[in-house]
């Protein structure tokens, strides 16, 4: 398998910039690394979000989509605010 292309939406970048807690940021980046290594680890979504996956980092979610060689991080949001 070749190299994976990793993309981030502006929404995702903007949400990450607002996170001030260093421990939380470390957890987030560890989860991002896991997704890049194995994109199928996230929970597959249904209905409107079909075709995307999500990872839970208490109390947040990382939403992403992937194809064979591209991973796009879509959103980072608080579980109760979506």
Protein backbone atom coordinates (compact mmCIF):
# COMPACT_ATOMS: atom_id res chain seq x y z
CA UNK A 1 0.00 0.00 0.00
CA UNK A 2 1.30 3.49 -0.87
CA UNK A 3 1.41 6.66 1.13
CA UNK A 4 -1.83 8.05 2.53
CA UNK A 5 -2.85 11.61 1.82
CA UNK A 6 -4.17 13.36 4.93
CA UNK A 7 -6.39 16.42 4.55
CA UNK A 8 -8.14 18.64 7.08
CA UNK A 9 -11.12 20.92 6.53
CA UNK A 10 -11.04 24.53 7.72
CA UNK A 11 -13.77 23.63 10.22
CA UNK A 12 -11.56 20.90 11.70
CA UNK A 13 -8.49 23.16 11.90
CA UNK A 14 -10.47 25.99 13.47
CA UNK A 15 -11.94 23.71 16.15
CA UNK A 16 -8.49 22.32 17.04
CA UNK A 17 -7.03 25.82 17.40
CA UNK A 18 -9.60 26.59 20.10
CA UNK A 19 -8.46 23.67 22.29
CA UNK A 20 -6.23 25.04 25.06
CA UNK A 21 -5.91 21.91 27.23
CA UNK A 22 -2.51 20.35 26.39
CA UNK A 23 -3.46 16.88 27.67
CA UNK A 24 -6.56 16.87 25.48
CA UNK A 25 -4.52 17.99 22.46
CA UNK A 26 -2.10 15.10 23.03
CA UNK A 27 -5.04 12.64 23.14
CA UNK A 28 -6.46 14.15 19.95
CA UNK A 29 -3.19 13.86 18.04
CA UNK A 30 -2.69 10.27 19.23
CA UNK A 31 -6.14 9.40 17.88
CA UNK A 32 -5.40 11.18 14.59
CA UNK A 33 -2.23 9.11 14.29
CA UNK A 34 -4.23 5.91 14.90
CA UNK A 35 -6.72 6.89 12.18
CA UNK A 36 -3.90 7.53 9.71
CA UNK A 37 -2.42 4.10 10.51
CA UNK A 38 -5.78 2.28 10.37
CA UNK A 39 -8.69 4.37 8.95
CA UNK A 40 -11.30 1.69 9.64
CA UNK A 41 -11.04 2.03 13.45
CA UNK A 42 -13.75 4.69 13.70
CA UNK A 43 -17.44 3.93 14.08
CA UNK A 44 -19.21 3.99 10.69
CA UNK A 45 -21.99 6.56 10.66
CA UNK A 46 -25.51 6.20 9.21
CA UNK A 47 -28.17 8.36 7.56
CA UNK A 48 -27.00 11.93 6.85
CA UNK A 49 -23.43 11.15 7.89
CA UNK A 50 -23.21 7.95 5.84
CA UNK A 51 -19.74 7.52 4.35
CA UNK A 52 -18.02 9.05 7.36
CA UNK A 53 -16.61 7.59 10.55
CA UNK A 54 -16.21 8.95 14.06
CA UNK A 55 -13.88 8.48 16.99
CA UNK A 56 -14.89 9.37 20.53
CA UNK A 57 -12.47 11.31 22.71
CA UNK A 58 -14.50 12.04 25.82
CA UNK A 59 -16.52 14.34 25.48
CA UNK A 60 -15.59 15.12 21.86
CA UNK A 61 -15.88 13.45 18.47
CA UNK A 62 -13.55 13.42 15.49
CA UNK A 63 -15.42 12.99 12.23
CA UNK A 64 -13.52 11.83 9.15
CA UNK A 65 -13.96 10.21 5.76
CA UNK A 66 -11.53 8.04 3.86
CA UNK A 67 -11.01 6.44 0.51
CA UNK A 68 -8.32 3.98 -0.49
CA UNK A 69 -5.43 6.43 -0.01
CA UNK A 70 -6.97 9.69 1.29
CA UNK A 71 -8.17 10.55 4.79
CA UNK A 72 -10.08 13.80 5.29
CA UNK A 73 -10.68 15.03 8.82
CA UNK A 74 -14.04 16.80 8.66
CA UNK A 75 -15.07 17.97 12.12
CA UNK A 76 -14.02 18.05 15.74
CA UNK A 77 -16.98 18.80 17.97
CA UNK A 78 -18.41 18.42 21.46
CA UNK A 79 -20.69 15.39 21.72
CA UNK A 80 -23.63 17.30 23.23
CA UNK A 81 -23.46 20.30 20.88
CA UNK A 82 -24.04 18.52 17.56
